[in-house]
Amino acid sequence: MQDGLAYSLRRLGHFWMLSMHCGEESEELYDFGDVPHSAADIEMANYYTATHPSSVFRRTFTMQRLRPGDRVILRTTMITRYRNGVRSDTPIDPKQVRRHARELFGVELGDEPLLFESQPL
């Protein structure tokens, strides 16, 4: 348990799944295997996620901040906040990502197009 959020790890065949639980809601964060990987395996996977047009990391925006009792996640179309174990979601217009990054995180994203803005959703 961390700031009202619980985490669990469960086995799914050859993989492990890490999940986060907030009240009655659960969210799968990521999965991983327990097989060894070489540096080349990791490099190739990183290259794919960074360059392939269908990679979620090129089509969406994510920024997060964690403070005691408060976790804020800014995504392309949603602000998700976890406060003391209570989740709230606020839909946003993708055109407002810069404003929210500035107001929530104090980060200026500049005027150049962001990568997700040139990718189909």
PDB file of N, CA and C in Angstrom:
ATOM      1  N   MET A   1       0.848  -1.173   0.000  1.00  0.00           N
ATOM      2  CA  MET A   1       0.000   0.000   0.000  1.00  0.00           C
ATOM      3  C   MET A   1       0.896   1.240   0.000  1.00  0.00           C
ATOM      4  N   GLN A   2       0.565   2.200  -0.859  1.00  0.00           N
ATOM      5  CA  GLN A   2       1.316   3.443  -0.942  1.00  0.00           C
ATOM      6  C   GLN A   2       0.335   4.575  -1.227  1.00  0.00           C
ATOM      7  N   ASP A   3       0.186   5.475  -0.281  1.00  0.00           N
ATOM      8  CA  ASP A   3      -0.707   6.632  -0.439  1.00  0.00           C
ATOM      9  C   ASP A   3      -2.105   6.234  -0.903  1.00  0.00           C
ATOM     10  N   GLY A   4      -2.674   5.194  -0.314  1.00  0.00           N
ATOM     11  CA  GLY A   4      -4.026   4.760  -0.635  1.00  0.00           C
ATOM     12  C   GLY A   4      -4.132   3.876  -1.863  1.00  0.00           C
ATOM     13  N   LEU A   5      -3.007   3.595  -2.516  1.00  0.00           N
ATOM     14  CA  LEU A   5      -3.003   2.736  -3.694  1.00  0.00           C
ATOM     15  C   LEU A   5      -2.352   1.408  -3.329  1.00  0.00           C
ATOM     16  N   ALA A   6      -2.967   0.322  -3.773  1.00  0.00           N
ATOM     17  CA  ALA A   6      -2.402  -1.004  -3.534  1.00  0.00           C
ATOM     18  C   ALA A   6      -1.894  -1.554  -4.862  1.00  0.00           C
ATOM     19  N   TYR A   7      -0.861  -2.361  -4.800  1.00  0.00           N
ATOM     20  CA  TYR A   7      -0.279  -2.963  -5.990  1.00  0.00           C
ATOM     21  C   TYR A   7      -0.275  -4.472  -5.827  1.00  0.00           C
ATOM     22  N   SER A   8      -0.448  -5.172  -6.947  1.00  0.00           N
ATOM     23  CA  SER A   8      -0.382  -6.631  -6.898  1.00  0.00           C
ATOM     24  C   SER A   8       0.397  -7.130  -8.099  1.00  0.00           C
ATOM     25  N   LEU A   9       0.988  -8.281  -7.922  1.00  0.00           N
ATOM     26  CA  LEU A   9       1.751  -8.937  -8.966  1.00  0.00           C
ATOM     27  C   LEU A   9       1.200 -10.345  -9.098  1.00  0.00           C
ATOM     28  N   ARG A  10       0.784 -10.720 -10.311  1.00  0.00           N
ATOM     29  CA  ARG A  10       0.248 -12.059 -10.496  1.00  0.00           C
ATOM     30  C   ARG A  10       0.836 -12.691 -11.749  1.00  0.00           C
ATOM     31  N   ARG A  11       0.874 -13.991 -11.713  1.00  0.00           N
ATOM     32  CA  ARG A  11       1.440 -14.769 -12.816  1.00  0.00           C
ATOM     33  C   ARG A  11       0.365 -15.015 -13.868  1.00  0.00           C
ATOM     34  N   LEU A  12       0.718 -14.793 -15.143  1.00  0.00           N
ATOM     35  CA  LEU A  12      -0.169 -15.064 -16.277  1.00  0.00           C
ATOM     36  C   LEU A  12       0.621 -15.888 -17.287  1.00  0.00           C
ATOM     37  N   GLY A  13       0.570 -17.194 -17.160  1.00  0.00           N
ATOM     38  CA  GLY A  13       1.345 -18.054 -18.057  1.00  0.00           C
ATOM     39  C   GLY A  13       2.834 -17.818 -17.883  1.00  0.00           C
ATOM     40  N   HIS A  14       3.478 -17.350 -18.955  1.00  0.00           N
ATOM     41  CA  HIS A  14       4.911 -17.090 -18.920  1.00  0.00           C
ATOM     42  C   HIS A  14       5.238 -15.660 -18.489  1.00  0.00           C
ATOM     43  N   PHE A  15       4.227 -14.883 -18.143  1.00  0.00           N
ATOM     44  CA  PHE A  15       4.432 -13.475 -17.806  1.00  0.00           C
ATOM     45  C   PHE A  15       3.941 -13.162 -16.395  1.00  0.00           C
ATOM     46  N   TRP A  16       4.377 -12.023 -15.889  1.00  0.00           N
ATOM     47  CA  TRP A  16       3.893 -11.438 -14.644  1.00  0.00           C
ATOM     48  C   TRP A  16       3.171 -10.149 -14.991  1.00  0.00           C
ATOM     49  N   MET A  17       2.081  -9.853 -14.285  1.00  0.00           N
ATOM     50  CA  MET A  17       1.314  -8.627 -14.496  1.00  0.00           C
ATOM     51  C   MET A  17       1.346  -7.804 -13.208  1.00  0.00           C
ATOM     52  N   LEU A  18       1.750  -6.538 -13.331  1.00  0.00           N
ATOM     53  CA  LEU A  18       1.704  -5.605 -12.212  1.00  0.00           C
ATOM     54  C   LEU A  18       0.434  -4.776 -12.352  1.00  0.00           C
ATOM     55  N   SER A  19      -0.389  -4.746 -11.313  1.00  0.00           N
ATOM     56  CA  SER A  19      -1.640  -3.985 -11.315  1.00  0.00           C
ATOM     57  C   SER A  19      -1.659  -3.011 -10.148  1.00  0.00           C
ATOM     58  N   MET A  20      -2.382  -1.911 -10.339  1.00  0.00           N
ATOM     59  CA  MET A  20      -2.581  -0.909  -9.301  1.00  0.00           C
ATOM     60  C   MET A  20      -4.066  -0.890  -8.953  1.00  0.00           C
ATOM     61  N   HIS A  21      -4.386  -0.813  -7.663  1.00  0.00           N
ATOM     62  CA  HIS A  21      -5.766  -0.841  -7.193  1.00  0.00           C
ATOM     63  C   HIS A  21      -6.057   0.417  -6.385  1.00  0.00           C
ATOM     64  N   CYS A  22      -7.170   1.037  -6.738  1.00  0.00           N
ATOM     65  CA  CYS A  22      -7.620   2.244  -6.050  1.00  0.00           C
ATOM     66  C   CYS A  22      -9.093   2.044  -5.734  1.00  0.00           C
ATOM     67  N   GLY A  23      -9.394   1.784  -4.479  1.00  0.00           N
ATOM     68  CA  GLY A  23     -10.777   1.478  -4.102  1.00  0.00           C
ATOM     69  C   GLY A  23     -11.243   0.245  -4.840  1.00  0.00           C
ATOM     70  N   GLU A  24     -12.350   0.349  -5.555  1.00  0.00           N
ATOM     71  CA  GLU A  24     -12.902  -0.784  -6.309  1.00  0.00           C
ATOM     72  C   GLU A  24     -12.319  -0.904  -7.709  1.00  0.00           C
ATOM     73  N   GLU A  25     -11.520   0.081  -8.129  1.00  0.00           N
ATOM     74  CA  GLU A  25     -10.970   0.083  -9.484  1.00  0.00           C
ATOM     75  C   GLU A  25      -9.574  -0.521  -9.506  1.00  0.00           C
ATOM     76  N   SER A  26      -9.277  -1.245 -10.591  1.00  0.00           N
ATOM     77  CA  SER A  26      -7.943  -1.804 -10.807  1.00  0.00           C
ATOM     78  C   SER A  26      -7.490  -1.437 -12.202  1.00  0.00           C
ATOM     79  N   GLU A  27      -6.186  -1.241 -12.333  1.00  0.00           N
ATOM     80  CA  GLU A  27      -5.608  -0.891 -13.622  1.00  0.00           C
ATOM     81  C   GLU A  27      -4.336  -1.708 -13.811  1.00  0.00           C
ATOM     82  N   GLU A  28      -4.247  -2.417 -14.933  1.00  0.00           N
ATOM     83  CA  GLU A  28      -3.038  -3.167 -15.236  1.00  0.00           C
ATOM     84  C   GLU A  28      -1.997  -2.178 -15.739  1.00  0.00           C
ATOM     85  N   LEU A  29      -0.840  -2.154 -15.087  1.00  0.00           N
ATOM     86  CA  LEU A  29       0.205  -1.201 -15.438  1.00  0.00           C
ATOM     87  C   LEU A  29       1.119  -1.736 -16.531  1.00  0.00           C
ATOM     88  N   TYR A  30       1.651  -2.916 -16.332  1.00  0.00           N
ATOM     89  CA  TYR A  30       2.471  -3.537 -17.365  1.00  0.00           C
ATOM     90  C   TYR A  30       2.735  -4.992 -17.028  1.00  0.00           C
ATOM     91  N   ASP A  31       3.192  -5.721 -18.055  1.00  0.00           N
ATOM     92  CA  ASP A  31       3.566  -7.116 -17.820  1.00  0.00           C
ATOM     93  C   ASP A  31       5.018  -7.310 -18.219  1.00  0.00           C
ATOM     94  N   PHE A  32       5.613  -8.368 -17.710  1.00  0.00           N
ATOM     95  CA  PHE A  32       6.993  -8.685 -18.026  1.00  0.00           C
ATOM     96  C   PHE A  32       7.207 -10.176 -17.850  1.00  0.00           C
ATOM     97  N   GLY A  33       8.216 -10.688 -18.527  1.00  0.00           N
ATOM     98  CA  GLY A  33       8.548 -12.104 -18.443  1.00  0.00           C
ATOM     99  C   GLY A  33       9.734 -12.316 -17.530  1.00  0.00           C
ATOM    100  N   ASP A  34       9.947 -13.570 -17.181  1.00  0.00           N
ATOM    101  CA  ASP A  34      11.079 -13.875 -16.315  1.00  0.00           C
ATOM    102  C   ASP A  34      12.192 -14.595 -17.081  1.00  0.00           C
ATOM    103  N   VAL A  35      12.253 -14.332 -18.386  1.00  0.00           N
ATOM    104  CA  VAL A  35      13.328 -14.895 -19.193  1.00  0.00           C
ATOM    105  C   VAL A  35      14.431 -13.844 -19.327  1.00  0.00           C
ATOM    106  N   PRO A  36      15.675 -14.291 -19.389  1.00  0.00           N
ATOM    107  CA  PRO A  36      16.773 -13.327 -19.518  1.00  0.00           C
ATOM    108  C   PRO A  36      16.718 -12.599 -20.859  1.00  0.00           C
ATOM    109  N   HIS A  37      17.138 -11.347 -20.864  1.00  0.00           N
ATOM    110  CA  HIS A  37      17.206 -10.542 -22.086  1.00  0.00           C
ATOM    111  C   HIS A  37      18.623 -10.024 -22.244  1.00  0.00           C
ATOM    112  N   SER A  38      19.077  -9.975 -23.473  1.00  0.00           N
ATOM    113  CA  SER A  38      20.400  -9.416 -23.749  1.00  0.00           C
ATOM    114  C   SER A  38      20.257  -7.912 -23.960  1.00  0.00           C
ATOM    115  N   ALA A  39      21.363  -7.213 -23.957  1.00  0.00           N
ATOM    116  CA  ALA A  39      21.352  -5.773 -24.233  1.00  0.00           C
ATOM    117  C   ALA A  39      20.763  -5.512 -25.616  1.00  0.00           C
ATOM    118  N   ALA A  40      21.029  -6.388 -26.582  1.00  0.00           N
ATOM    119  CA  ALA A  40      20.487  -6.227 -27.936  1.00  0.00           C
ATOM    120  C   ALA A  40      18.966  -6.347 -27.939  1.00  0.00           C
ATOM    121  N   ASP A  41      18.405  -7.245 -27.128  1.00  0.00           N
ATOM    122  CA  ASP A  41      16.948  -7.373 -27.017  1.00  0.00           C
ATOM    123  C   ASP A  41      16.339  -6.061 -26.528  1.00  0.00           C
ATOM    124  N   ILE A  42      16.931  -5.504 -25.515  1.00  0.00           N
ATOM    125  CA  ILE A  42      16.415  -4.261 -24.930  1.00  0.00           C
ATOM    126  C   ILE A  42      16.555  -3.109 -25.906  1.00  0.00           C
ATOM    127  N   GLU A  43      17.682  -3.041 -26.597  1.00  0.00           N
ATOM    128  CA  GLU A  43      17.906  -1.976 -27.576  1.00  0.00           C
ATOM    129  C   GLU A  43      16.878  -2.041 -28.703  1.00  0.00           C
ATOM    130  N   MET A  44      16.603  -3.254 -29.195  1.00  0.00           N
ATOM    131  CA  MET A  44      15.638  -3.413 -30.280  1.00  0.00           C
ATOM    132  C   MET A  44      14.227  -3.032 -29.815  1.00  0.00           C
ATOM    133  N   ALA A  45      13.845  -3.456 -28.624  1.00  0.00           N
ATOM    134  CA  ALA A  45      12.518  -3.106 -28.105  1.00  0.00           C
ATOM    135  C   ALA A  45      12.404  -1.595 -27.913  1.00  0.00           C
ATOM    136  N   ASN A  46      13.450  -0.976 -27.398  1.00  0.00           N
ATOM    137  CA  ASN A  46      13.433   0.471 -27.216  1.00  0.00           C
ATOM    138  C   ASN A  46      13.329   1.190 -28.561  1.00  0.00           C
ATOM    139  N   TYR A  47      14.072   0.713 -29.547  1.00  0.00           N
ATOM    140  CA  TYR A  47      14.021   1.317 -30.878  1.00  0.00           C
ATOM    141  C   TYR A  47      12.598   1.254 -31.434  1.00  0.00           C
ATOM    142  N   TYR A  48      11.955   0.100 -31.296  1.00  0.00           N
ATOM    143  CA  TYR A  48      10.582  -0.052 -31.783  1.00  0.00           C
ATOM    144  C   TYR A  48       9.641   0.943 -31.085  1.00  0.00           C
ATOM    145  N   THR A  49       9.670   0.980 -29.763  1.00  0.00           N
ATOM    146  CA  THR A  49       8.724   1.842 -29.046  1.00  0.00           C
ATOM    147  C   THR A  49       8.989   3.315 -29.324  1.00  0.00           C
ATOM    148  N   ALA A  50      10.230   3.658 -29.665  1.00  0.00           N
ATOM    149  CA  ALA A  50      10.567   5.057 -29.923  1.00  0.00           C
ATOM    150  C   ALA A  50      10.319   5.488 -31.364  1.00  0.00           C
ATOM    151  N   THR A  51      10.281   4.548 -32.306  1.00  0.00           N
ATOM    152  CA  THR A  51      10.225   4.951 -33.711  1.00  0.00           C
ATOM    153  C   THR A  51       9.048   4.420 -34.518  1.00  0.00           C
ATOM    154  N   HIS A  52       8.456   3.304 -34.128  1.00  0.00           N
ATOM    155  CA  HIS A  52       7.395   2.722 -34.950  1.00  0.00           C
ATOM    156  C   HIS A  52       6.141   3.599 -34.889  1.00  0.00           C
ATOM    157  N   PRO A  53       5.548   3.912 -36.050  1.00  0.00           N
ATOM    158  CA  PRO A  53       4.375   4.796 -36.063  1.00  0.00           C
ATOM    159  C   PRO A  53       3.196   4.312 -35.214  1.00  0.00           C
ATOM    160  N   SER A  54       3.046   3.000 -35.022  1.00  0.00           N
ATOM    161  CA  SER A  54       1.910   2.523 -34.228  1.00  0.00           C
ATOM    162  C   SER A  54       2.238   2.385 -32.736  1.00  0.00           C
ATOM    163  N   SER A  55       3.450   2.752 -32.325  1.00  0.00           N
ATOM    164  CA  SER A  55       3.817   2.676 -30.915  1.00  0.00           C
ATOM    165  C   SER A  55       2.991   3.652 -30.086  1.00  0.00           C
ATOM    166  N   VAL A  56       2.446   3.173 -28.985  1.00  0.00           N
ATOM    167  CA  VAL A  56       1.644   4.024 -28.104  1.00  0.00           C
ATOM    168  C   VAL A  56       2.467   5.212 -27.594  1.00  0.00           C
ATOM    169  N   PHE A  57       3.779   5.066 -27.509  1.00  0.00           N
ATOM    170  CA  PHE A  57       4.630   6.137 -27.014  1.00  0.00           C
ATOM    171  C   PHE A  57       4.807   7.269 -28.024  1.00  0.00           C
ATOM    172  N   ARG A  58       4.465   7.032 -29.269  1.00  0.00           N
ATOM    173  CA  ARG A  58       4.511   8.087 -30.283  1.00  0.00           C
ATOM    174  C   ARG A  58       3.133   8.708 -30.519  1.00  0.00           C
ATOM    175  N   ARG A  59       2.075   7.980 -30.191  1.00  0.00           N
ATOM    176  CA  ARG A  59       0.720   8.442 -30.484  1.00  0.00           C
ATOM    177  C   ARG A  59       0.047   9.134 -29.311  1.00  0.00           C
ATOM    178  N   THR A  60       0.643   9.056 -28.127  1.00  0.00           N
ATOM    179  CA  THR A  60       0.010   9.641 -26.949  1.00  0.00           C
ATOM    180  C   THR A  60       1.023  10.446 -26.144  1.00  0.00           C
ATOM    181  N   PHE A  61       0.515  11.212 -25.220  1.00  0.00           N
ATOM    182  CA  PHE A  61       1.337  12.029 -24.334  1.00  0.00           C
ATOM    183  C   PHE A  61       1.063  11.580 -22.897  1.00  0.00           C
ATOM    184  N   THR A  62       2.105  11.470 -22.098  1.00  0.00           N
ATOM    185  CA  THR A  62       1.939  11.134 -20.687  1.00  0.00           C
ATOM    186  C   THR A  62       2.977  11.892 -19.864  1.00  0.00           C
ATOM    187  N   MET A  63       2.515  12.511 -18.786  1.00  0.00           N
ATOM    188  CA  MET A  63       3.386  13.177 -17.821  1.00  0.00           C
ATOM    189  C   MET A  63       2.812  12.856 -16.451  1.00  0.00           C
ATOM    190  N   GLN A  64       3.665  12.501 -15.492  1.00  0.00           N
ATOM    191  CA  GLN A  64       3.178  12.120 -14.162  1.00  0.00           C
ATOM    192  C   GLN A  64       3.974  12.816 -13.072  1.00  0.00           C
ATOM    193  N   ARG A  65       3.310  12.989 -11.943  1.00  0.00           N
ATOM    194  CA  ARG A  65       3.968  13.507 -10.741  1.00  0.00           C
ATOM    195  C   ARG A  65       3.380  12.774  -9.540  1.00  0.00           C
ATOM    196  N   LEU A  66       4.255  12.373  -8.660  1.00  0.00           N
ATOM    197  CA  LEU A  66       3.840  11.691  -7.439  1.00  0.00           C
ATOM    198  C   LEU A  66       4.347  12.486  -6.243  1.00  0.00           C
ATOM    199  N   ARG A  67       3.420  12.850  -5.383  1.00  0.00           N
ATOM    200  CA  ARG A  67       3.727  13.504  -4.112  1.00  0.00           C
ATOM    201  C   ARG A  67       2.970  12.752  -3.035  1.00  0.00           C
ATOM    202  N   PRO A  68       3.371  12.894  -1.784  1.00  0.00           N
ATOM    203  CA  PRO A  68       2.625  12.184  -0.727  1.00  0.00           C
ATOM    204  C   PRO A  68       1.126  12.497  -0.793  1.00  0.00           C
ATOM    205  N   GLY A  69       0.320  11.445  -0.936  1.00  0.00           N
ATOM    206  CA  GLY A  69      -1.131  11.589  -0.965  1.00  0.00           C
ATOM    207  C   GLY A  69      -1.708  12.065  -2.285  1.00  0.00           C
ATOM    208  N   ASP A  70      -0.865  12.293  -3.325  1.00  0.00           N
ATOM    209  CA  ASP A  70      -1.369  12.864  -4.571  1.00  0.00           C
ATOM    210  C   ASP A  70      -0.540  12.378  -5.757  1.00  0.00           C
ATOM    211  N   ARG A  71      -1.194  11.725  -6.693  1.00  0.00           N
ATOM    212  CA  ARG A  71      -0.558  11.304  -7.943  1.00  0.00           C
ATOM    213  C   ARG A  71      -1.358  11.911  -9.072  1.00  0.00           C
ATOM    214  N   VAL A  72      -0.701  12.634  -9.972  1.00  0.00           N
ATOM    215  CA  VAL A  72      -1.352  13.284 -11.100  1.00  0.00           C
ATOM    216  C   VAL A  72      -0.757  12.730 -12.387  1.00  0.00           C
ATOM    217  N   ILE A  73      -1.644  12.350 -13.312  1.00  0.00           N
ATOM    218  CA  ILE A  73      -1.220  11.849 -14.616  1.00  0.00           C
ATOM    219  C   ILE A  73      -1.910  12.682 -15.685  1.00  0.00           C
ATOM    220  N   LEU A  74      -1.122  13.347 -16.501  1.00  0.00           N
ATOM    221  CA  LEU A  74      -1.634  14.105 -17.640  1.00  0.00           C
ATOM    222  C   LEU A  74      -1.417  13.256 -18.880  1.00  0.00           C
ATOM    223  N   ARG A  75      -2.518  12.935 -19.555  1.00  0.00           N
ATOM    224  CA  ARG A  75      -2.458  12.180 -20.798  1.00  0.00           C
ATOM    225  C   ARG A  75      -3.065  13.029 -21.902  1.00  0.00           C
ATOM    226  N   THR A  76      -3.011  12.530 -23.102  1.00  0.00           N
ATOM    227  CA  THR A  76      -3.470  13.269 -24.275  1.00  0.00           C
ATOM    228  C   THR A  76      -4.887  13.808 -24.120  1.00  0.00           C
ATOM    229  N   THR A  77      -5.792  13.016 -23.557  1.00  0.00           N
ATOM    230  CA  THR A  77      -7.198  13.423 -23.471  1.00  0.00           C
ATOM    231  C   THR A  77      -7.764  13.361 -22.049  1.00  0.00           C
ATOM    232  N   MET A  78      -6.893  13.178 -21.039  1.00  0.00           N
ATOM    233  CA  MET A  78      -7.414  12.970 -19.682  1.00  0.00           C
ATOM    234  C   MET A  78      -6.392  13.382 -18.626  1.00  0.00           C
ATOM    235  N   ILE A  79      -6.905  13.978 -17.557  1.00  0.00           N
ATOM    236  CA  ILE A  79      -6.113  14.177 -16.347  1.00  0.00           C
ATOM    237  C   ILE A  79      -6.671  13.214 -15.313  1.00  0.00           C
ATOM    238  N   THR A  80      -5.809  12.334 -14.805  1.00  0.00           N
ATOM    239  CA  THR A  80      -6.206  11.388 -13.771  1.00  0.00           C
ATOM    240  C   THR A  80      -5.482  11.777 -12.496  1.00  0.00           C
ATOM    241  N   ARG A  81      -6.247  11.860 -11.422  1.00  0.00           N
ATOM    242  CA  ARG A  81      -5.660  12.224 -10.129  1.00  0.00           C
ATOM    243  C   ARG A  81      -6.080  11.207  -9.085  1.00  0.00           C
ATOM    244  N   TYR A  82      -5.091  10.760  -8.319  1.00  0.00           N
ATOM    245  CA  TYR A  82      -5.327   9.867  -7.188  1.00  0.00           C
ATOM    246  C   TYR A  82      -4.986  10.667  -5.939  1.00  0.00           C
ATOM    247  N   ARG A  83      -5.988  10.926  -5.113  1.00  0.00           N
ATOM    248  CA  ARG A  83      -5.768  11.639  -3.860  1.00  0.00           C
ATOM    249  C   ARG A  83      -6.241  10.764  -2.722  1.00  0.00           C
ATOM    250  N   ASN A  84      -5.282  10.359  -1.881  1.00  0.00           N
ATOM    251  CA  ASN A  84      -5.602   9.559  -0.707  1.00  0.00           C
ATOM    252  C   ASN A  84      -6.496   8.365  -1.042  1.00  0.00           C
ATOM    253  N   GLY A  85      -6.167   7.684  -2.129  1.00  0.00           N
ATOM    254  CA  GLY A  85      -6.888   6.473  -2.502  1.00  0.00           C
ATOM    255  C   GLY A  85      -8.166   6.689  -3.278  1.00  0.00           C
ATOM    256  N   VAL A  86      -8.435   7.920  -3.714  1.00  0.00           N
ATOM    257  CA  VAL A  86      -9.640   8.208  -4.504  1.00  0.00           C
ATOM    258  C   VAL A  86      -9.199   8.699  -5.882  1.00  0.00           C
ATOM    259  N   ARG A  87      -9.726   8.053  -6.914  1.00  0.00           N
ATOM    260  CA  ARG A  87      -9.382   8.400  -8.292  1.00  0.00           C
ATOM    261  C   ARG A  87     -10.422   9.341  -8.883  1.00  0.00           C
ATOM    262  N   SER A  88      -9.947  10.348  -9.623  1.00  0.00           N
ATOM    263  CA  SER A  88     -10.846  11.208 -10.391  1.00  0.00           C
ATOM    264  C   SER A  88     -10.250  11.389 -11.782  1.00  0.00           C
ATOM    265  N   ASP A  89     -11.116  11.390 -12.789  1.00  0.00           N
ATOM    266  CA  ASP A  89     -10.710  11.581 -14.180  1.00  0.00           C
ATOM    267  C   ASP A  89     -11.382  12.828 -14.723  1.00  0.00           C
ATOM    268  N   THR A  90     -10.597  13.679 -15.381  1.00  0.00           N
ATOM    269  CA  THR A  90     -11.124  14.890 -15.998  1.00  0.00           C
ATOM    270  C   THR A  90     -10.743  14.876 -17.471  1.00  0.00           C
ATOM    271  N   PRO A  91     -11.738  14.726 -18.370  1.00  0.00           N
ATOM    272  CA  PRO A  91     -11.433  14.759 -19.804  1.00  0.00           C
ATOM    273  C   PRO A  91     -10.902  16.134 -20.205  1.00  0.00           C
ATOM    274  N   ILE A  92      -9.951  16.143 -21.139  1.00  0.00           N
ATOM    275  CA  ILE A  92      -9.413  17.403 -21.650  1.00  0.00           C
ATOM    276  C   ILE A  92      -9.328  17.345 -23.165  1.00  0.00           C
ATOM    277  N   ASP A  93      -9.232  18.502 -23.764  1.00  0.00           N
ATOM    278  CA  ASP A  93      -9.004  18.624 -25.197  1.00  0.00           C
ATOM    279  C   ASP A  93      -7.498  18.472 -25.426  1.00  0.00           C
ATOM    280  N   PRO A  94      -7.071  17.615 -26.355  1.00  0.00           N
ATOM    281  CA  PRO A  94      -5.637  17.451 -26.605  1.00  0.00           C
ATOM    282  C   PRO A  94      -4.912  18.764 -26.905  1.00  0.00           C
ATOM    283  N   LYS A  95      -5.630  19.745 -27.426  1.00  0.00           N
ATOM    284  CA  LYS A  95      -5.015  21.043 -27.717  1.00  0.00           C
ATOM    285  C   LYS A  95      -4.643  21.803 -26.445  1.00  0.00           C
ATOM    286  N   GLN A  96      -5.120  21.339 -25.288  1.00  0.00           N
ATOM    287  CA  GLN A  96      -4.842  22.014 -24.016  1.00  0.00           C
ATOM    288  C   GLN A  96      -3.724  21.343 -23.212  1.00  0.00           C
ATOM    289  N   VAL A  97      -3.040  20.351 -23.786  1.00  0.00           N
ATOM    290  CA  VAL A  97      -1.974  19.636 -23.071  1.00  0.00           C
ATOM    291  C   VAL A  97      -0.903  20.610 -22.579  1.00  0.00           C
ATOM    292  N   ARG A  98      -0.477  21.558 -23.404  1.00  0.00           N
ATOM    293  CA  ARG A  98       0.561  22.523 -23.000  1.00  0.00           C
ATOM    294  C   ARG A  98       0.128  23.324 -21.775  1.00  0.00           C
ATOM    295  N   ARG A  99      -1.096  23.796 -21.795  1.00  0.00           N
ATOM    296  CA  ARG A  99      -1.594  24.586 -20.662  1.00  0.00           C
ATOM    297  C   ARG A  99      -1.624  23.753 -19.387  1.00  0.00           C
ATOM    298  N   HIS A 100      -2.107  22.528 -19.480  1.00  0.00           N
ATOM    299  CA  HIS A 100      -2.170  21.667 -18.288  1.00  0.00           C
ATOM    300  C   HIS A 100      -0.772  21.289 -17.797  1.00  0.00           C
ATOM    301  N   ALA A 101       0.165  21.056 -18.721  1.00  0.00           N
ATOM    302  CA  ALA A 101       1.549  20.751 -18.309  1.00  0.00           C
ATOM    303  C   ALA A 101       2.128  21.929 -17.527  1.00  0.00           C
ATOM    304  N   ARG A 102       1.845  23.132 -17.972  1.00  0.00           N
ATOM    305  CA  ARG A 102       2.330  24.340 -17.288  1.00  0.00           C
ATOM    306  C   ARG A 102       1.654  24.509 -15.925  1.00  0.00           C
ATOM    307  N   GLU A 103       0.317  24.373 -15.891  1.00  0.00           N
ATOM    308  CA  GLU A 103      -0.424  24.607 -14.650  1.00  0.00           C
ATOM    309  C   GLU A 103      -0.218  23.505 -13.609  1.00  0.00           C
ATOM    310  N   LEU A 104      -0.173  22.261 -14.032  1.00  0.00           N
ATOM    311  CA  LEU A 104      -0.065  21.146 -13.087  1.00  0.00           C
ATOM    312  C   LEU A 104       1.374  20.808 -12.693  1.00  0.00           C
ATOM    313  N   PHE A 105       2.312  20.994 -13.637  1.00  0.00           N
ATOM    314  CA  PHE A 105       3.687  20.536 -13.420  1.00  0.00           C
ATOM    315  C   PHE A 105       4.724  21.646 -13.484  1.00  0.00           C
ATOM    316  N   GLY A 106       4.313  22.837 -13.918  1.00  0.00           N
ATOM    317  CA  GLY A 106       5.279  23.923 -14.074  1.00  0.00           C
ATOM    318  C   GLY A 106       6.234  23.686 -15.232  1.00  0.00           C
ATOM    319  N   VAL A 107       5.791  22.936 -16.243  1.00  0.00           N
ATOM    320  CA  VAL A 107       6.634  22.586 -17.382  1.00  0.00           C
ATOM    321  C   VAL A 107       6.137  23.316 -18.627  1.00  0.00           C
ATOM    322  N   GLU A 108       7.037  24.026 -19.276  1.00  0.00           N
ATOM    323  CA  GLU A 108       6.739  24.682 -20.548  1.00  0.00           C
ATOM    324  C   GLU A 108       7.129  23.739 -21.676  1.00  0.00           C
ATOM    325  N   LEU A 109       6.179  23.378 -22.528  1.00  0.00           N
ATOM    326  CA  LEU A 109       6.445  22.435 -23.613  1.00  0.00           C
ATOM    327  C   LEU A 109       6.849  23.114 -24.914  1.00  0.00           C
ATOM    328  N   GLY A 110       6.834  24.437 -24.942  1.00  0.00           N
ATOM    329  CA  GLY A 110       7.248  25.167 -26.141  1.00  0.00           C
ATOM    330  C   GLY A 110       6.171  25.196 -27.207  1.00  0.00           C
ATOM    331  N   ASP A 111       6.529  25.796 -28.338  1.00  0.00           N
ATOM    332  CA  ASP A 111       5.557  25.994 -29.418  1.00  0.00           C
ATOM    333  C   ASP A 111       5.671  24.982 -30.549  1.00  0.00           C
ATOM    334  N   GLU A 112       6.782  24.230 -30.590  1.00  0.00           N
ATOM    335  CA  GLU A 112       6.952  23.238 -31.644  1.00  0.00           C
ATOM    336  C   GLU A 112       5.891  22.151 -31.489  1.00  0.00           C
ATOM    337  N   PRO A 113       5.448  21.542 -32.606  1.00  0.00           N
ATOM    338  CA  PRO A 113       4.456  20.462 -32.504  1.00  0.00           C
ATOM    339  C   PRO A 113       4.980  19.315 -31.643  1.00  0.00           C
ATOM    340  N   LEU A 114       4.124  18.800 -30.785  1.00  0.00           N
ATOM    341  CA  LEU A 114       4.462  17.627 -29.985  1.00  0.00           C
ATOM    342  C   LEU A 114       4.261  16.392 -30.856  1.00  0.00           C
ATOM    343  N   LEU A 115       5.013  15.352 -30.587  1.00  0.00           N
ATOM    344  CA  LEU A 115       4.987  14.166 -31.437  1.00  0.00           C
ATOM    345  C   LEU A 115       3.581  13.596 -31.609  1.00  0.00           C
ATOM    346  N   PHE A 116       2.809  13.504 -30.513  1.00  0.00           N
ATOM    347  CA  PHE A 116       1.477  12.908 -30.626  1.00  0.00           C
ATOM    348  C   PHE A 116       0.559  13.726 -31.519  1.00  0.00           C
ATOM    349  N   GLU A 117       0.841  15.021 -31.666  1.00  0.00           N
ATOM    350  CA  GLU A 117      -0.021  15.875 -32.486  1.00  0.00           C
ATOM    351  C   GLU A 117       0.075  15.551 -33.980  1.00  0.00           C
ATOM    352  N   SER A 118       1.145  14.889 -34.387  1.00  0.00           N
ATOM    353  CA  SER A 118       1.292  14.529 -35.793  1.00  0.00           C
ATOM    354  C   SER A 118       0.962  13.069 -36.075  1.00  0.00           C
ATOM    355  N   GLN A 119       0.487  12.348 -35.041  1.00  0.00           N
ATOM    356  CA  GLN A 119       0.165  10.922 -35.177  1.00  0.00           C
ATOM    357  C   GLN A 119      -1.340  10.718 -35.069  1.00  0.00           C
ATOM    358  N   PRO A 120      -1.892   9.776 -35.842  1.00  0.00           N
ATOM    359  CA  PRO A 120      -3.320   9.469 -35.695  1.00  0.00           C
ATOM    360  C   PRO A 120      -3.560   8.766 -34.354  1.00  0.00           C
ATOM    361  N   LEU A 121      -4.701   9.055 -33.727  1.00  0.00           N
ATOM    362  CA  LEU A 121      -5.040   8.414 -32.457  1.00  0.00           C
ATOM    363  C   LEU A 121      -5.489   7.002 -32.641  1.00  0.00           C
TER     364      LEU A 121
END
